[in-house]
Amino acid sequence: MRRNIVRYAILAYVITLQRVSLRVKRRFPTWQHVVDSGLMLESERKVFEKMDGKSPMSKYWMPLVWATNIINRARKEGLITSDHIVQTLLVELSDIRRRLGALIGYDTVCVPLVYTQASSFSYYLFYNTSISVTHIYIAS
């Protein structure tokens, strides 16, 4: 069960990076490549392909839901003895999901290069002007 939870967390990370990184997209161009690497089972691939037909949105959250189900099942079966441990694991999975969502958000919203250049230019212009005016004011 531990290995499956970690595998699902890594799978969620890989699915997210497929959208963000060209290098990862070249390494895992299809779901079958992910299956061949051992990160995904054949049955899970079928679920992903079925969901791809329904929605083009990223499915990075699905393996994290599966990991959550494993944790809850382990608690019911008595394999995890403490509610505190369950809570800690669920908080960590939630944090992973939040961070992966933020990564997709950063990739989705592009800040044009012109914006950063314009803000840098205005920053330097303001401070150079301030220094010049202060120097002239002090000199007189």
N, C-alpha and C. Protein backbone atom coordinates (compact mmCIF):
# COMPACT_ATOMS: atom_id res chain seq x y z
N MET A 1 0.81 -1.20 0.00
CA MET A 1 0.00 0.00 0.00
C MET A 1 0.86 1.26 0.00
N ARG A 2 1.97 1.23 0.75
CA ARG A 2 2.84 2.40 0.78
C ARG A 2 3.39 2.71 -0.60
N ARG A 3 3.79 1.66 -1.29
CA ARG A 3 4.36 1.87 -2.63
C ARG A 3 3.32 2.46 -3.58
N ASN A 4 2.09 2.00 -3.46
CA ASN A 4 1.04 2.54 -4.32
C ASN A 4 0.77 4.01 -4.03
N ILE A 5 0.79 4.38 -2.76
CA ILE A 5 0.57 5.79 -2.41
C ILE A 5 1.68 6.66 -3.00
N VAL A 6 2.92 6.22 -2.85
CA VAL A 6 4.05 6.98 -3.41
C VAL A 6 3.98 6.98 -4.94
N ARG A 7 3.63 5.84 -5.52
CA ARG A 7 3.52 5.75 -6.98
C ARG A 7 2.45 6.72 -7.49
N TYR A 8 1.33 6.80 -6.78
CA TYR A 8 0.28 7.72 -7.18
C TYR A 8 0.72 9.18 -7.06
N ALA A 9 1.48 9.50 -6.02
CA ALA A 9 1.98 10.87 -5.87
C ALA A 9 2.94 11.22 -7.00
N ILE A 10 3.81 10.29 -7.35
CA ILE A 10 4.75 10.52 -8.46
C ILE A 10 3.99 10.60 -9.78
N LEU A 11 2.98 9.76 -9.94
CA LEU A 11 2.17 9.80 -11.16
C LEU A 11 1.48 11.15 -11.32
N ALA A 12 0.95 11.69 -10.23
CA ALA A 12 0.32 13.01 -10.29
C ALA A 12 1.34 14.07 -10.70
N TYR A 13 2.55 13.95 -10.18
CA TYR A 13 3.62 14.88 -10.53
C TYR A 13 3.98 14.78 -12.01
N VAL A 14 4.08 13.55 -12.51
CA VAL A 14 4.42 13.35 -13.92
C VAL A 14 3.31 13.88 -14.83
N ILE A 15 2.07 13.63 -14.46
CA ILE A 15 0.95 14.12 -15.27
C ILE A 15 0.96 15.65 -15.33
N THR A 16 1.26 16.28 -14.21
CA THR A 16 1.36 17.73 -14.19
C THR A 16 2.50 18.22 -15.07
N LEU A 17 3.65 17.58 -14.95
CA LEU A 17 4.82 18.01 -15.73
C LEU A 17 4.65 17.73 -17.21
N GLN A 18 3.79 16.78 -17.58
CA GLN A 18 3.52 16.56 -19.00
C GLN A 18 2.95 17.82 -19.64
N ARG A 19 2.17 18.57 -18.90
CA ARG A 19 1.59 19.81 -19.43
C ARG A 19 2.57 20.96 -19.40
N VAL A 20 3.52 20.92 -18.49
CA VAL A 20 4.40 22.06 -18.26
C VAL A 20 5.74 21.93 -18.97
N SER A 21 6.31 20.73 -18.96
CA SER A 21 7.68 20.52 -19.43
C SER A 21 7.71 19.75 -20.75
N LEU A 22 8.40 20.30 -21.72
CA LEU A 22 8.55 19.60 -23.00
C LEU A 22 9.39 18.34 -22.84
N ARG A 23 10.36 18.39 -21.96
CA ARG A 23 11.22 17.22 -21.74
C ARG A 23 10.41 16.04 -21.21
N VAL A 24 9.53 16.29 -20.26
CA VAL A 24 8.68 15.22 -19.72
C VAL A 24 7.67 14.78 -20.76
N LYS A 25 7.15 15.72 -21.54
CA LYS A 25 6.20 15.36 -22.60
C LYS A 25 6.85 14.46 -23.64
N ARG A 26 8.14 14.72 -23.93
CA ARG A 26 8.85 13.84 -24.87
C ARG A 26 9.11 12.48 -24.25
N ARG A 27 9.35 12.43 -22.95
CA ARG A 27 9.62 11.16 -22.26
C ARG A 27 8.35 10.32 -22.14
N PHE A 28 7.21 10.98 -21.91
CA PHE A 28 5.93 10.29 -21.74
C PHE A 28 4.89 10.90 -22.70
N PRO A 29 5.01 10.66 -24.00
CA PRO A 29 4.06 11.28 -24.94
C PRO A 29 2.65 10.69 -24.87
N THR A 30 2.53 9.43 -24.46
CA THR A 30 1.21 8.79 -24.38
C THR A 30 1.07 8.11 -23.02
N TRP A 31 -0.16 7.71 -22.71
CA TRP A 31 -0.39 6.99 -21.46
C TRP A 31 0.34 5.65 -21.47
N GLN A 32 0.48 5.06 -22.64
CA GLN A 32 1.16 3.77 -22.73
C GLN A 32 2.62 3.89 -22.29
N HIS A 33 3.25 5.00 -22.59
CA HIS A 33 4.63 5.21 -22.14
C HIS A 33 4.71 5.29 -20.61
N VAL A 34 3.69 5.87 -20.01
CA VAL A 34 3.65 5.94 -18.55
C VAL A 34 3.46 4.54 -17.97
N VAL A 35 2.62 3.73 -18.62
CA VAL A 35 2.42 2.34 -18.19
C VAL A 35 3.72 1.56 -18.33
N ASP A 36 4.41 1.73 -19.45
CA ASP A 36 5.66 1.02 -19.68
C ASP A 36 6.73 1.38 -18.65
N SER A 37 6.68 2.59 -18.13
CA SER A 37 7.66 3.00 -17.12
C SER A 37 7.35 2.43 -15.75
N GLY A 38 6.15 1.91 -15.55
CA GLY A 38 5.77 1.33 -14.27
C GLY A 38 5.06 2.29 -13.34
N LEU A 39 4.80 3.50 -13.78
CA LEU A 39 4.11 4.47 -12.93
C LEU A 39 2.60 4.29 -12.93
N MET A 40 2.09 3.62 -13.96
CA MET A 40 0.65 3.45 -14.11
C MET A 40 0.35 2.01 -14.50
N LEU A 41 -0.76 1.49 -13.99
CA LEU A 41 -1.21 0.16 -14.38
C LEU A 41 -2.08 0.25 -15.63
N GLU A 42 -2.24 -0.87 -16.29
CA GLU A 42 -3.04 -0.91 -17.51
C GLU A 42 -4.49 -0.50 -17.23
N SER A 43 -5.03 -0.95 -16.11
CA SER A 43 -6.41 -0.58 -15.76
C SER A 43 -6.54 0.92 -15.50
N GLU A 44 -5.51 1.51 -14.91
CA GLU A 44 -5.52 2.95 -14.67
C GLU A 44 -5.42 3.72 -15.99
N ARG A 45 -4.66 3.19 -16.93
CA ARG A 45 -4.55 3.82 -18.25
C ARG A 45 -5.92 3.88 -18.91
N LYS A 46 -6.68 2.80 -18.79
CA LYS A 46 -8.02 2.77 -19.40
C LYS A 46 -8.92 3.83 -18.77
N VAL A 47 -8.80 4.01 -17.46
CA VAL A 47 -9.60 5.04 -16.79
C VAL A 47 -9.21 6.43 -17.30
N PHE A 48 -7.91 6.67 -17.44
CA PHE A 48 -7.45 7.97 -17.94
C PHE A 48 -7.91 8.21 -19.38
N GLU A 49 -7.82 7.20 -20.22
CA GLU A 49 -8.27 7.37 -21.60
C GLU A 49 -9.77 7.63 -21.68
N LYS A 50 -10.52 6.97 -20.81
CA LYS A 50 -11.96 7.19 -20.77
C LYS A 50 -12.27 8.62 -20.31
N MET A 51 -11.53 9.10 -19.32
CA MET A 51 -11.73 10.46 -18.83
C MET A 51 -11.26 11.51 -19.85
N ASP A 52 -10.23 11.18 -20.64
CA ASP A 52 -9.77 12.10 -21.68
C ASP A 52 -10.86 12.35 -22.71
N GLY A 53 -11.67 11.34 -22.98
CA GLY A 53 -12.78 11.50 -23.91
C GLY A 53 -13.87 12.41 -23.37
N LYS A 54 -14.00 12.47 -22.05
CA LYS A 54 -15.04 13.29 -21.44
C LYS A 54 -14.62 14.73 -21.22
N SER A 55 -13.34 14.94 -20.89
CA SER A 55 -12.88 16.29 -20.58
C SER A 55 -11.41 16.44 -20.96
N PRO A 56 -11.06 17.54 -21.61
CA PRO A 56 -9.66 17.76 -21.98
C PRO A 56 -8.81 18.31 -20.83
N MET A 57 -9.42 18.60 -19.69
CA MET A 57 -8.69 19.19 -18.57
C MET A 57 -7.69 18.18 -17.99
N SER A 58 -6.72 18.70 -17.27
CA SER A 58 -5.68 17.87 -16.67
C SER A 58 -6.29 16.97 -15.58
N LYS A 59 -5.79 15.76 -15.52
CA LYS A 59 -6.31 14.78 -14.56
C LYS A 59 -5.28 14.47 -13.47
N TYR A 60 -4.43 15.42 -13.14
CA TYR A 60 -3.36 15.17 -12.17
C TYR A 60 -3.91 14.80 -10.80
N TRP A 61 -5.13 15.18 -10.50
CA TRP A 61 -5.72 14.95 -9.19
C TRP A 61 -6.22 13.52 -9.01
N MET A 62 -6.45 12.80 -10.10
CA MET A 62 -7.02 11.45 -9.98
C MET A 62 -6.15 10.49 -9.18
N PRO A 63 -4.84 10.40 -9.44
CA PRO A 63 -4.02 9.50 -8.62
C PRO A 63 -4.00 9.90 -7.14
N LEU A 64 -4.14 11.18 -6.86
CA LEU A 64 -4.17 11.61 -5.46
C LEU A 64 -5.46 11.18 -4.78
N VAL A 65 -6.55 11.14 -5.53
CA VAL A 65 -7.82 10.62 -4.98
C VAL A 65 -7.68 9.13 -4.71
N TRP A 66 -7.03 8.41 -5.62
CA TRP A 66 -6.81 6.98 -5.41
C TRP A 66 -5.93 6.75 -4.17
N ALA A 67 -4.92 7.58 -3.99
CA ALA A 67 -4.05 7.45 -2.81
C ALA A 67 -4.85 7.73 -1.53
N THR A 68 -5.74 8.70 -1.58
CA THR A 68 -6.60 8.99 -0.43
C THR A 68 -7.49 7.80 -0.10
N ASN A 69 -8.03 7.16 -1.13
CA ASN A 69 -8.86 5.98 -0.90
C ASN A 69 -8.06 4.85 -0.27
N ILE A 70 -6.81 4.68 -0.68
CA ILE A 70 -5.95 3.64 -0.08
C ILE A 70 -5.72 3.94 1.39
N ILE A 71 -5.46 5.20 1.72
CA ILE A 71 -5.22 5.57 3.12
C ILE A 71 -6.47 5.31 3.96
N ASN A 72 -7.63 5.69 3.45
CA ASN A 72 -8.88 5.46 4.20
C ASN A 72 -9.16 3.97 4.37
N ARG A 73 -8.90 3.19 3.32
CA ARG A 73 -9.11 1.75 3.41
C ARG A 73 -8.14 1.12 4.42
N ALA A 74 -6.90 1.59 4.43
CA ALA A 74 -5.91 1.07 5.38
C ALA A 74 -6.32 1.38 6.81
N ARG A 75 -6.92 2.53 7.04
CA ARG A 75 -7.39 2.87 8.38
C ARG A 75 -8.55 1.97 8.79
N LYS A 76 -9.47 1.71 7.87
CA LYS A 76 -10.61 0.84 8.19
C LYS A 76 -10.18 -0.59 8.46
N GLU A 77 -9.14 -1.04 7.74
CA GLU A 77 -8.65 -2.41 7.93
C GLU A 77 -7.71 -2.53 9.11
N GLY A 78 -7.38 -1.43 9.76
CA GLY A 78 -6.52 -1.46 10.92
C GLY A 78 -5.03 -1.46 10.60
N LEU A 79 -4.67 -1.25 9.35
CA LEU A 79 -3.25 -1.19 8.99
C LEU A 79 -2.61 0.12 9.45
N ILE A 80 -3.41 1.16 9.54
CA ILE A 80 -2.97 2.42 10.14
C ILE A 80 -3.74 2.55 11.45
N THR A 81 -3.01 2.66 12.54
CA THR A 81 -3.65 2.58 13.85
C THR A 81 -4.05 3.93 14.43
N SER A 82 -3.52 5.01 13.89
CA SER A 82 -3.75 6.32 14.49
C SER A 82 -4.49 7.24 13.53
N ASP A 83 -5.48 7.94 14.07
CA ASP A 83 -6.18 8.94 13.26
C ASP A 83 -5.26 10.12 12.93
N HIS A 84 -4.32 10.38 13.83
CA HIS A 84 -3.37 11.47 13.59
C HIS A 84 -2.50 11.19 12.36
N ILE A 85 -2.09 9.95 12.20
CA ILE A 85 -1.28 9.58 11.03
C ILE A 85 -2.11 9.73 9.75
N VAL A 86 -3.35 9.29 9.81
CA VAL A 86 -4.24 9.43 8.65
C VAL A 86 -4.40 10.91 8.29
N GLN A 87 -4.64 11.72 9.31
CA GLN A 87 -4.81 13.16 9.08
C GLN A 87 -3.55 13.77 8.47
N THR A 88 -2.38 13.38 8.98
CA THR A 88 -1.12 13.90 8.46
C THR A 88 -0.92 13.50 7.00
N LEU A 89 -1.21 12.25 6.68
CA LEU A 89 -1.07 11.79 5.30
C LEU A 89 -2.02 12.53 4.36
N LEU A 90 -3.25 12.71 4.80
CA LEU A 90 -4.24 13.40 3.97
C LEU A 90 -3.88 14.87 3.77
N VAL A 91 -3.33 15.50 4.81
CA VAL A 91 -2.90 16.89 4.68
C VAL A 91 -1.74 16.99 3.68
N GLU A 92 -0.82 16.03 3.73
CA GLU A 92 0.31 16.05 2.78
C GLU A 92 -0.18 15.84 1.34
N LEU A 93 -1.11 14.91 1.15
CA LEU A 93 -1.66 14.71 -0.20
C LEU A 93 -2.39 15.96 -0.69
N SER A 94 -3.10 16.60 0.21
CA SER A 94 -3.80 17.84 -0.15
C SER A 94 -2.80 18.93 -0.52
N ASP A 95 -1.69 18.99 0.20
CA ASP A 95 -0.65 19.98 -0.10
C ASP A 95 -0.01 19.71 -1.46
N ILE A 96 0.22 18.44 -1.76
CA ILE A 96 0.77 18.07 -3.07
C ILE A 96 -0.20 18.52 -4.17
N ARG A 97 -1.47 18.25 -3.96
CA ARG A 97 -2.47 18.64 -4.97
C ARG A 97 -2.52 20.15 -5.15
N ARG A 98 -2.46 20.88 -4.06
CA ARG A 98 -2.49 22.34 -4.13
C ARG A 98 -1.28 22.87 -4.89
N ARG A 99 -0.10 22.32 -4.61
CA ARG A 99 1.11 22.79 -5.27
C ARG A 99 1.13 22.43 -6.76
N LEU A 100 0.64 21.26 -7.10
CA LEU A 100 0.57 20.88 -8.51
C LEU A 100 -0.43 21.76 -9.25
N GLY A 101 -1.54 22.08 -8.60
CA GLY A 101 -2.50 23.00 -9.21
C GLY A 101 -1.91 24.38 -9.42
N ALA A 102 -1.11 24.83 -8.46
CA ALA A 102 -0.44 26.13 -8.61
C ALA A 102 0.54 26.09 -9.77
N LEU A 103 1.24 24.98 -9.94
CA LEU A 103 2.18 24.85 -11.05
C LEU A 103 1.46 24.93 -12.39
N ILE A 104 0.32 24.28 -12.49
CA ILE A 104 -0.47 24.36 -13.72
C ILE A 104 -0.97 25.79 -13.92
N GLY A 105 -1.34 26.44 -12.83
CA GLY A 105 -1.78 27.83 -12.93
C GLY A 105 -0.68 28.75 -13.42
N TYR A 106 0.54 28.55 -12.94
CA TYR A 106 1.66 29.36 -13.41
C TYR A 106 1.92 29.13 -14.88
N ASP A 107 1.74 27.90 -15.33
CA ASP A 107 1.97 27.60 -16.73
C ASP A 107 0.87 28.17 -17.62
N THR A 108 -0.34 28.22 -17.09
CA THR A 108 -1.48 28.68 -17.87
C THR A 108 -1.44 30.19 -18.10
N VAL A 109 -1.06 30.93 -17.06
CA VAL A 109 -1.04 32.39 -17.14
C VAL A 109 0.37 32.82 -17.53
N CYS A 110 0.51 33.30 -18.75
CA CYS A 110 1.82 33.75 -19.24
C CYS A 110 1.98 35.24 -18.96
N VAL A 111 3.11 35.58 -18.38
CA VAL A 111 3.46 36.98 -18.22
C VAL A 111 4.36 37.33 -19.38
N PRO A 112 3.93 38.25 -20.23
CA PRO A 112 4.75 38.58 -21.40
C PRO A 112 6.10 39.16 -20.99
N LEU A 113 7.09 38.90 -21.80
CA LEU A 113 8.42 39.41 -21.55
C LEU A 113 8.43 40.93 -21.54
N VAL A 114 7.57 41.54 -22.33
CA VAL A 114 7.50 43.00 -22.40
C VAL A 114 7.12 43.57 -21.04
N TYR A 115 6.24 42.89 -20.31
CA TYR A 115 5.82 43.38 -19.00
C TYR A 115 7.00 43.44 -18.05
N THR A 116 7.79 42.38 -17.99
CA THR A 116 8.94 42.38 -17.08
C THR A 116 9.97 43.41 -17.52
N GLN A 117 10.15 43.58 -18.81
CA GLN A 117 11.10 44.58 -19.29
C GLN A 117 10.61 45.99 -18.96
N ALA A 118 9.33 46.23 -19.16
CA ALA A 118 8.78 47.56 -18.87
C ALA A 118 8.85 47.87 -17.39
N SER A 119 8.55 46.90 -16.55
CA SER A 119 8.62 47.16 -15.11
C SER A 119 10.06 47.38 -14.66
N SER A 120 11.00 46.64 -15.21
CA SER A 120 12.42 46.86 -14.87
C SER A 120 12.87 48.24 -15.34
N PHE A 121 12.48 48.63 -16.54
CA PHE A 121 12.86 49.94 -17.07
C PHE A 121 12.30 51.05 -16.19
N SER A 122 11.01 50.94 -15.81
CA SER A 122 10.41 51.99 -14.99
C SER A 122 11.05 52.04 -13.61
N TYR A 123 11.43 50.90 -13.07
CA TYR A 123 12.11 50.84 -11.77
C TYR A 123 13.43 51.61 -11.84
N TYR A 124 14.26 51.30 -12.83
CA TYR A 124 15.55 51.96 -12.96
C TYR A 124 15.39 53.45 -13.29
N LEU A 125 14.42 53.79 -14.10
CA LEU A 125 14.18 55.18 -14.45
C LEU A 125 13.78 55.98 -13.21
N PHE A 126 12.91 55.43 -12.39
CA PHE A 126 12.46 56.11 -11.18
C PHE A 126 13.63 56.38 -10.23
N TYR A 127 14.43 55.34 -9.96
CA TYR A 127 15.52 55.52 -9.01
C TYR A 127 16.64 56.39 -9.56
N ASN A 128 16.93 56.30 -10.83
CA ASN A 128 17.94 57.18 -11.41
C ASN A 128 17.47 58.63 -11.38
N THR A 129 16.21 58.85 -11.68
CA THR A 129 15.65 60.20 -11.61
C THR A 129 15.67 60.72 -10.18
N SER A 130 15.31 59.88 -9.24
CA SER A 130 15.32 60.27 -7.82
C SER A 130 16.72 60.66 -7.37
N ILE A 131 17.70 59.88 -7.76
CA ILE A 131 19.08 60.18 -7.37
C ILE A 131 19.54 61.49 -8.01
N SER A 132 19.21 61.69 -9.28
CA SER A 132 19.62 62.92 -9.97
C SER A 132 18.97 64.14 -9.35
N VAL A 133 17.68 64.07 -9.07
CA VAL A 133 16.98 65.20 -8.48
C VAL A 133 17.51 65.48 -7.08
N THR A 134 17.76 64.44 -6.31
CA THR A 134 18.31 64.62 -4.97
C THR A 134 19.69 65.25 -5.04
N HIS A 135 20.50 64.82 -5.97
CA HIS A 135 21.85 65.37 -6.13
C HIS A 135 21.78 66.84 -6.52
N ILE A 136 20.89 67.20 -7.42
CA ILE A 136 20.73 68.60 -7.84
C ILE A 136 20.21 69.43 -6.67
N TYR A 137 19.27 68.89 -5.91
CA TYR A 137 18.69 69.61 -4.78
C TYR A 137 19.73 69.86 -3.70
N ILE A 138 20.55 68.85 -3.41
CA ILE A 138 21.58 68.99 -2.38
C ILE A 138 22.66 69.97 -2.85
N ALA A 139 23.00 69.95 -4.13
CA ALA A 139 24.05 70.82 -4.66
C ALA A 139 23.63 72.29 -4.62
N SER A 140 22.35 72.56 -4.74
CA SER A 140 21.94 73.97 -4.74
C SER A 140 21.60 74.38 -3.35
